[in-house]
C-alpha atoms as a PDB file:
ATOM      1  CA  MET A   1      60.063  69.064  28.063  1.00  0.00           C
ATOM      2  CA  ASN A   2      56.900  67.192  29.126  1.00  0.00           C
ATOM      3  CA  THR A   3      54.576  68.385  31.889  1.00  0.00           C
ATOM      4  CA  ILE A   4      55.968  66.065  34.576  1.00  0.00           C
ATOM      5  CA  ALA A   5      59.545  66.987  33.760  1.00  0.00           C
ATOM      6  CA  LEU A   6      58.676  70.686  33.714  1.00  0.00           C
ATOM      7  CA  LEU A   7      56.994  70.408  37.123  1.00  0.00           C
ATOM      8  CA  SER A   8      60.006  68.575  38.563  1.00  0.00           C
ATOM      9  CA  PHE A   9      62.344  71.229  37.153  1.00  0.00           C
ATOM     10  CA  SER A  10      60.227  74.027  38.652  1.00  0.00           C
ATOM     11  CA  LEU A  11      60.211  72.352  42.061  1.00  0.00           C
ATOM     12  CA  ALA A  12      63.973  71.929  41.913  1.00  0.00           C
ATOM     13  CA  LEU A  13      64.432  75.616  41.148  1.00  0.00           C
ATOM     14  CA  ALA A  14      62.128  76.513  44.035  1.00  0.00           C
ATOM     15  CA  MET A  15      64.148  74.345  46.421  1.00  0.00           C
ATOM     16  CA  ILE A  16      67.383  75.997  45.294  1.00  0.00           C
ATOM     17  CA  PHE A  17      65.862  79.426  45.830  1.00  0.00           C
ATOM     18  CA  LEU A  18      64.530  78.562  49.277  1.00  0.00           C
ATOM     19  CA  SER A  19      67.790  76.991  50.386  1.00  0.00           C
ATOM     20  CA  GLY A  20      69.590  80.213  49.488  1.00  0.00           C
ATOM     21  CA  ALA A  21      67.078  82.452  51.209  1.00  0.00           C
ATOM     22  CA  GLN A  22      68.581  83.040  54.625  1.00  0.00           C
ATOM     23  CA  SER A  23      65.693  84.230  56.737  1.00  0.00           C
ATOM     24  CA  ALA A  24      66.223  84.399  60.492  1.00  0.00           C
ATOM     25  CA  THR A  25      64.366  84.413  63.777  1.00  0.00           C
ATOM     26  CA  PHE A  26      65.489  86.929  66.387  1.00  0.00           C
ATOM     27  CA  THR A  27      64.726  85.994  69.985  1.00  0.00           C
ATOM     28  CA  ILE A  28      64.916  89.022  72.245  1.00  0.00           C
ATOM     29  CA  LYS A  29      65.317  88.406  75.966  1.00  0.00           C
ATOM     30  CA  ASN A  30      65.177  90.865  78.842  1.00  0.00           C
ATOM     31  CA  ASN A  31      67.654  89.805  81.492  1.00  0.00           C
ATOM     32  CA  CYS A  32      67.514  93.216  83.172  1.00  0.00           C
ATOM     33  CA  PRO A  33      65.846  93.480  86.609  1.00  0.00           C
ATOM     34  CA  PHE A  34      63.305  95.928  85.166  1.00  0.00           C
ATOM     35  CA  THR A  35      60.957  96.239  82.193  1.00  0.00           C
ATOM     36  CA  ILE A  36      62.388  97.416  78.868  1.00  0.00           C
ATOM     37  CA  TRP A  37      60.781  98.353  75.562  1.00  0.00           C
ATOM     38  CA  PRO A  38      62.805  97.000  72.601  1.00  0.00           C
ATOM     39  CA  GLY A  39      62.566  98.814  69.278  1.00  0.00           C
ATOM     40  CA  THR A  40      63.343  97.726  65.720  1.00  0.00           C
ATOM     41  CA  LEU A  41      64.275  99.768  62.664  1.00  0.00           C
ATOM     42  CA  THR A  42      64.546  98.311  59.156  1.00  0.00           C
ATOM     43  CA  GLY A  43      67.001  99.717  56.617  1.00  0.00           C
ATOM     44  CA  ALA A  44      65.835 101.735  53.649  1.00  0.00           C
ATOM     45  CA  GLY A  45      64.005  99.893  50.893  1.00  0.00           C
ATOM     46  CA  LYS A  46      62.905  96.945  53.016  1.00  0.00           C
ATOM     47  CA  PRO A  47      59.535  96.320  54.703  1.00  0.00           C
ATOM     48  CA  PRO A  48      59.473  96.678  58.520  1.00  0.00           C
ATOM     49  CA  LEU A  49      59.437  93.689  60.829  1.00  0.00           C
ATOM     50  CA  SER A  50      56.150  92.478  62.301  1.00  0.00           C
ATOM     51  CA  SER A  51      56.872  94.559  65.408  1.00  0.00           C
ATOM     52  CA  THR A  52      58.664  97.907  65.563  1.00  0.00           C
ATOM     53  CA  GLY A  53      58.410  98.187  69.349  1.00  0.00           C
ATOM     54  CA  PHE A  54      57.036  96.246  72.289  1.00  0.00           C
ATOM     55  CA  GLU A  55      57.104  95.916  76.066  1.00  0.00           C
ATOM     56  CA  LEU A  56      59.257  93.178  77.568  1.00  0.00           C
ATOM     57  CA  ALA A  57      59.056  92.375  81.279  1.00  0.00           C
ATOM     58  CA  SER A  58      62.088  91.258  83.243  1.00  0.00           C
ATOM     59  CA  GLY A  59      62.880  87.639  82.342  1.00  0.00           C
ATOM     60  CA  ALA A  60      60.551  87.599  79.322  1.00  0.00           C
ATOM     61  CA  THR A  61      61.372  86.784  75.702  1.00  0.00           C
ATOM     62  CA  GLN A  62      59.810  87.582  72.333  1.00  0.00           C
ATOM     63  CA  SER A  63      60.665  86.242  68.883  1.00  0.00           C
ATOM     64  CA  ILE A  64      60.481  88.125  65.581  1.00  0.00           C
ATOM     65  CA  ASP A  65      61.030  86.655  62.105  1.00  0.00           C
ATOM     66  CA  ALA A  66      63.000  88.526  59.450  1.00  0.00           C
ATOM     67  CA  PRO A  67      63.185  87.725  55.719  1.00  0.00           C
ATOM     68  CA  ALA A  68      66.361  87.042  53.765  1.00  0.00           C
ATOM     69  CA  GLY A  69      68.179  90.235  52.883  1.00  0.00           C
ATOM     70  CA  TRP A  70      66.784  92.129  55.878  1.00  0.00           C
ATOM     71  CA  SER A  71      69.003  94.735  57.461  1.00  0.00           C
ATOM     72  CA  GLY A  72      68.382  96.957  60.418  1.00  0.00           C
ATOM     73  CA  ARG A  73      68.896  97.450  64.118  1.00  0.00           C
ATOM     74  CA  PHE A  74      67.528  96.558  67.534  1.00  0.00           C
ATOM     75  CA  TRP A  75      67.791  98.554  70.737  1.00  0.00           C
ATOM     76  CA  ALA A  76      65.914  98.824  74.035  1.00  0.00           C
ATOM     77  CA  ARG A  77      64.241 101.767  75.711  1.00  0.00           C
ATOM     78  CA  SER A  78      64.170 102.190  79.473  1.00  0.00           C
ATOM     79  CA  GLY A  79      62.317 104.306  82.013  1.00  0.00           C
ATOM     80  CA  CYS A  80      59.193 104.491  79.864  1.00  0.00           C
ATOM     81  CA  THR A  81      55.850 105.920  80.975  1.00  0.00           C
ATOM     82  CA  THR A  82      52.491 106.876  79.480  1.00  0.00           C
ATOM     83  CA  ASP A  83      51.035 110.232  80.496  1.00  0.00           C
ATOM     84  CA  ALA A  84      47.387 111.216  81.024  1.00  0.00           C
ATOM     85  CA  THR A  85      46.957 111.988  77.314  1.00  0.00           C
ATOM     86  CA  GLY A  86      48.232 108.544  76.310  1.00  0.00           C
ATOM     87  CA  LYS A  87      51.617 109.774  75.089  1.00  0.00           C
ATOM     88  CA  PHE A  88      54.384 107.211  75.563  1.00  0.00           C
ATOM     89  CA  THR A  89      57.906 108.487  76.366  1.00  0.00           C
ATOM     90  CA  CYS A  90      61.158 106.948  77.629  1.00  0.00           C
ATOM     91  CA  GLU A  91      64.171 108.226  79.561  1.00  0.00           C
ATOM     92  CA  THR A  92      66.603 106.455  77.214  1.00  0.00           C
ATOM     93  CA  ALA A  93      66.550 105.530  73.508  1.00  0.00           C
ATOM     94  CA  ASP A  94      63.048 106.922  72.936  1.00  0.00           C
ATOM     95  CA  CYS A  95      62.059 106.741  69.277  1.00  0.00           C
ATOM     96  CA  GLY A  96      59.879 109.848  69.527  1.00  0.00           C
ATOM     97  CA  SER A  97      56.742 108.260  68.117  1.00  0.00           C
ATOM     98  CA  GLY A  98      54.721 108.817  71.280  1.00  0.00           C
ATOM     99  CA  LYS A  99      53.764 105.148  71.131  1.00  0.00           C
ATOM    100  CA  VAL A 100      55.236 101.765  72.067  1.00  0.00           C
ATOM    101  CA  SER A 101      55.652 101.037  68.339  1.00  0.00           C
ATOM    102  CA  CYS A 102      58.444 103.076  66.765  1.00  0.00           C
ATOM    103  CA  ASN A 103      56.892 102.986  63.262  1.00  0.00           C
ATOM    104  CA  GLY A 104      60.062 103.683  61.289  1.00  0.00           C
ATOM    105  CA  ALA A 105      61.845 105.920  63.797  1.00  0.00           C
ATOM    106  CA  GLY A 106      65.188 105.056  65.380  1.00  0.00           C
ATOM    107  CA  GLY A 107      66.263 105.303  68.993  1.00  0.00           C
ATOM    108  CA  ILE A 108      67.331 108.763  70.151  1.00  0.00           C
ATOM    109  CA  PRO A 109      70.964 108.588  71.382  1.00  0.00           C
ATOM    110  CA  PRO A 110      72.439 107.484  73.630  1.00  0.00           C
ATOM    111  CA  ALA A 111      71.416 103.956  72.689  1.00  0.00           C
ATOM    112  CA  SER A 112      73.241 100.632  72.595  1.00  0.00           C
ATOM    113  CA  LEU A 113      72.563  99.208  69.117  1.00  0.00           C
ATOM    114  CA  VAL A 114      72.513  95.703  67.650  1.00  0.00           C
ATOM    115  CA  GLU A 115      72.988  96.004  63.873  1.00  0.00           C
ATOM    116  CA  LEU A 116      72.538  93.171  61.367  1.00  0.00           C
ATOM    117  CA  THR A 117      72.451  92.545  57.636  1.00  0.00           C
ATOM    118  CA  LEU A 118      71.119  89.129  56.652  1.00  0.00           C
ATOM    119  CA  ALA A 119      72.518  87.444  53.558  1.00  0.00           C
ATOM    120  CA  GLU A 120      70.707  86.477  50.411  1.00  0.00           C
ATOM    121  CA  ASN A 121      71.478  83.422  48.264  1.00  0.00           C
ATOM    122  CA  GLY A 122      73.984  81.725  50.530  1.00  0.00           C
ATOM    123  CA  GLY A 123      76.144  84.723  51.412  1.00  0.00           C
ATOM    124  CA  GLN A 124      77.362  86.000  54.757  1.00  0.00           C
ATOM    125  CA  ASP A 125      75.425  87.753  57.488  1.00  0.00           C
ATOM    126  CA  PHE A 126      77.128  90.824  58.961  1.00  0.00           C
ATOM    127  CA  TYR A 127      76.467  91.953  62.529  1.00  0.00           C
ATOM    128  CA  ASP A 128      77.830  94.169  65.276  1.00  0.00           C
ATOM    129  CA  ILE A 129      77.077  95.941  68.525  1.00  0.00           C
ATOM    130  CA  SER A 130      77.550  99.680  68.223  1.00  0.00           C
ATOM    131  CA  LEU A 131      78.187 102.321  70.885  1.00  0.00           C
ATOM    132  CA  VAL A 132      78.807 104.985  68.235  1.00  0.00           C
ATOM    133  CA  ASP A 133      75.479 106.488  69.334  1.00  0.00           C
ATOM    134  CA  GLY A 134      76.424 106.079  72.994  1.00  0.00           C
ATOM    135  CA  PHE A 135      75.290 103.505  75.576  1.00  0.00           C
ATOM    136  CA  ASN A 136      72.163 102.928  77.597  1.00  0.00           C
ATOM    137  CA  LEU A 137      71.947  99.181  78.364  1.00  0.00           C
ATOM    138  CA  PRO A 138      74.292  96.185  78.207  1.00  0.00           C
ATOM    139  CA  VAL A 139      73.467  93.829  75.312  1.00  0.00           C
ATOM    140  CA  GLY A 140      74.701  90.620  73.716  1.00  0.00           C
ATOM    141  CA  LEU A 141      74.146  88.879  70.368  1.00  0.00           C
ATOM    142  CA  VAL A 142      74.571  85.106  69.951  1.00  0.00           C
ATOM    143  CA  PRO A 143      74.105  83.223  66.632  1.00  0.00           C
ATOM    144  CA  SER A 144      72.470  79.786  66.810  1.00  0.00           C
ATOM    145  CA  SER A 145      75.428  78.322  64.861  1.00  0.00           C
ATOM    146  CA  SER A 146      79.095  78.064  65.797  1.00  0.00           C
ATOM    147  CA  CYS A 147      79.754  81.594  64.544  1.00  0.00           C
ATOM    148  CA  ALA A 148      81.231  84.149  66.923  1.00  0.00           C
ATOM    149  CA  SER A 149      79.014  85.957  69.390  1.00  0.00           C
ATOM    150  CA  THR A 150      79.496  89.595  70.337  1.00  0.00           C
ATOM    151  CA  SER A 151      78.479  91.549  73.396  1.00  0.00           C
ATOM    152  CA  CYS A 152      78.741  94.678  75.486  1.00  0.00           C
ATOM    153  CA  PRO A 153      78.082  93.206  78.949  1.00  0.00           C
ATOM    154  CA  ALA A 154      79.551  96.067  80.995  1.00  0.00           C
ATOM    155  CA  ASN A 155      77.544  98.836  82.612  1.00  0.00           C
ATOM    156  CA  VAL A 156      79.266 101.747  80.872  1.00  0.00           C
ATOM    157  CA  ASN A 157      77.022 104.176  82.758  1.00  0.00           C
ATOM    158  CA  SER A 158      78.935 103.424  85.949  1.00  0.00           C
ATOM    159  CA  VAL A 159      82.198 104.844  84.519  1.00  0.00           C
ATOM    160  CA  CYS A 160      80.773 107.487  82.178  1.00  0.00           C
ATOM    161  CA  PRO A 161      82.580 110.861  82.407  1.00  0.00           C
ATOM    162  CA  PRO A 162      80.340 113.648  83.773  1.00  0.00           C
ATOM    163  CA  GLU A 163      80.399 115.572  80.487  1.00  0.00           C
ATOM    164  CA  LEU A 164      78.869 112.570  78.662  1.00  0.00           C
ATOM    165  CA  THR A 165      76.236 111.489  81.173  1.00  0.00           C
ATOM    166  CA  LEU A 166      72.484 111.417  80.638  1.00  0.00           C
ATOM    167  CA  LYS A 167      70.597 111.523  83.923  1.00  0.00           C
ATOM    168  CA  GLY A 168      67.138 110.233  84.678  1.00  0.00           C
ATOM    169  CA  ALA A 169      64.354 111.867  86.671  1.00  0.00           C
ATOM    170  CA  ASP A 170      65.838 110.565  89.927  1.00  0.00           C
ATOM    171  CA  GLY A 171      69.294 111.970  89.152  1.00  0.00           C
ATOM    172  CA  SER A 172      70.927 108.633  88.390  1.00  0.00           C
ATOM    173  CA  VAL A 173      73.007 108.093  85.238  1.00  0.00           C
ATOM    174  CA  VAL A 174      70.805 106.260  82.724  1.00  0.00           C
ATOM    175  CA  GLY A 175      72.918 106.751  79.591  1.00  0.00           C
ATOM    176  CA  CYS A 176      76.379 107.634  78.381  1.00  0.00           C
ATOM    177  CA  LYS A 177      76.507 109.896  75.324  1.00  0.00           C
ATOM    178  CA  SER A 178      79.093 109.629  72.607  1.00  0.00           C
ATOM    179  CA  ALA A 179      81.666 112.426  72.596  1.00  0.00           C
ATOM    180  CA  CYS A 180      80.320 113.440  69.178  1.00  0.00           C
ATOM    181  CA  LEU A 181      76.810 113.925  70.570  1.00  0.00           C
ATOM    182  CA  ALA A 182      77.879 115.599  73.806  1.00  0.00           C
ATOM    183  CA  LEU A 183      80.707 117.847  72.560  1.00  0.00           C
ATOM    184  CA  ASN A 184      79.875 118.185  68.839  1.00  0.00           C
ATOM    185  CA  LYS A 185      83.464 118.587  67.636  1.00  0.00           C
ATOM    186  CA  PRO A 186      84.805 117.240  64.300  1.00  0.00           C
ATOM    187  CA  GLU A 187      87.578 115.235  65.940  1.00  0.00           C
ATOM    188  CA  TYR A 188      84.967 113.252  67.866  1.00  0.00           C
ATOM    189  CA  CYS A 189      82.459 112.996  65.007  1.00  0.00           C
ATOM    190  CA  CYS A 190      85.032 112.081  62.313  1.00  0.00           C
ATOM    191  CA  THR A 191      83.785 114.901  60.084  1.00  0.00           C
ATOM    192  CA  GLY A 192      85.454 117.664  58.077  1.00  0.00           C
ATOM    193  CA  ALA A 193      89.243 117.420  58.244  1.00  0.00           C
ATOM    194  CA  TYR A 194      88.780 114.331  60.450  1.00  0.00           C
ATOM    195  CA  GLY A 195      86.639 112.465  57.910  1.00  0.00           C
ATOM    196  CA  THR A 196      88.941 109.509  57.177  1.00  0.00           C
ATOM    197  CA  PRO A 197      90.288 106.607  59.245  1.00  0.00           C
ATOM    198  CA  GLU A 198      93.762 108.133  58.992  1.00  0.00           C
ATOM    199  CA  THR A 199      92.715 111.527  60.342  1.00  0.00           C
ATOM    200  CA  CYS A 200      90.220 110.291  62.950  1.00  0.00           C
ATOM    201  CA  PRO A 201      92.030 107.975  65.366  1.00  0.00           C
ATOM    202  CA  PRO A 202      90.541 106.778  68.677  1.00  0.00           C
ATOM    203  CA  THR A 203      90.141 109.439  71.364  1.00  0.00           C
ATOM    204  CA  ASP A 204      90.248 109.111  75.129  1.00  0.00           C
ATOM    205  CA  TYR A 205      86.444 108.975  75.079  1.00  0.00           C
ATOM    206  CA  SER A 206      86.186 106.218  72.470  1.00  0.00           C
ATOM    207  CA  LYS A 207      88.951 104.321  74.280  1.00  0.00           C
ATOM    208  CA  MET A 208      86.808 104.410  77.421  1.00  0.00           C
ATOM    209  CA  PHE A 209      83.935 102.730  75.542  1.00  0.00           C
ATOM    210  CA  LYS A 210      86.361 100.226  73.988  1.00  0.00           C
ATOM    211  CA  THR A 211      87.906  99.322  77.323  1.00  0.00           C
ATOM    212  CA  GLN A 212      84.480  98.577  78.756  1.00  0.00           C
ATOM    213  CA  CYS A 213      83.218  96.681  75.692  1.00  0.00           C
ATOM    214  CA  PRO A 214      86.135  95.469  73.520  1.00  0.00           C
ATOM    215  CA  GLN A 215      83.876  93.799  70.918  1.00  0.00           C
ATOM    216  CA  ALA A 216      81.624  96.799  70.310  1.00  0.00           C
ATOM    217  CA  TYR A 217      82.048  99.724  67.945  1.00  0.00           C
ATOM    218  CA  SER A 218      83.440 102.605  69.980  1.00  0.00           C
ATOM    219  CA  TYR A 219      83.576 105.225  67.215  1.00  0.00           C
ATOM    220  CA  ALA A 220      82.982 105.539  63.468  1.00  0.00           C
ATOM    221  CA  TYR A 221      86.145 103.787  62.203  1.00  0.00           C
ATOM    222  CA  ASP A 222      86.312 100.979  64.741  1.00  0.00           C
ATOM    223  CA  ASP A 223      85.625  98.273  62.126  1.00  0.00           C
ATOM    224  CA  LYS A 224      88.523  95.872  62.561  1.00  0.00           C
ATOM    225  CA  SER A 225      87.574  94.405  65.942  1.00  0.00           C
ATOM    226  CA  SER A 226      83.856  95.068  65.880  1.00  0.00           C
ATOM    227  CA  THR A 227      82.295  93.629  62.686  1.00  0.00           C
ATOM    228  CA  PHE A 228      81.398  89.938  62.650  1.00  0.00           C
ATOM    229  CA  THR A 229      80.228  87.635  59.857  1.00  0.00           C
ATOM    230  CA  CYS A 230      78.414  84.306  59.691  1.00  0.00           C
ATOM    231  CA  ARG A 231      77.511  82.032  56.802  1.00  0.00           C
ATOM    232  CA  GLY A 232      74.664  79.528  56.838  1.00  0.00           C
ATOM    233  CA  GLY A 233      71.643  81.565  57.890  1.00  0.00           C
ATOM    234  CA  PRO A 234      71.598  81.190  61.687  1.00  0.00           C
ATOM    235  CA  ASN A 235      68.965  82.515  64.043  1.00  0.00           C
ATOM    236  CA  TYR A 236      70.041  85.062  66.642  1.00  0.00           C
ATOM    237  CA  ASP A 237      69.491  85.573  70.378  1.00  0.00           C
ATOM    238  CA  ILE A 238      69.595  89.204  71.502  1.00  0.00           C
ATOM    239  CA  THR A 239      69.831  89.589  75.278  1.00  0.00           C
ATOM    240  CA  PHE A 240      69.654  92.872  77.134  1.00  0.00           C
ATOM    241  CA  CYS A 241      71.660  92.823  80.392  1.00  0.00           C
ATOM    242  CA  PRO A 242      73.400  89.533  79.436  1.00  0.00           C
END
């Protein structure tokens, strides 16, 4: 193969590779009437995104690029303050880093989660909204293509049973814990003798979450109506308080 032909062949291979590499841009919007602090956590074995946590004023947006094959989660913290020593803490979904950046730490439950796995080489993206770790803020996820969107637009805090509530400094309900977190029983955590889909059916608590947000994961084995897929490498809009 001569030099020109070899160069053309190499360029063709590069184009094939790039066309299969399904990177994505996530645009995070704060539609809540107050400031939030979104956080990001990348799955094991992958480099973190360019931002692992940031402040987002009401009505503001911020975009973050993710490479093909990225997987991880987004959530938003609320009621955040910085004390006299410079330590940053939040009433809900704090990542415990003491800073605005989460630096590899996840949100402390209860936290409404957006979970995604981006495809490589022309495959399918997988995504969901999960309330398995409880709820703190409404959230929606919309692909830029014709693929299905998913959301949890309801304010679950307003109907949260007293035994699951997380209250803020002013006494208001700022989060709704999962029954697993609040009651720590195997039947709610799907552990031990309840560790299979057959032995861990929905409970009254998970049904409450499901009634409020039918598209979101309400407990560990709520896959059928809560996992979504998309082919073609779309970008995604993530809106808190949609």
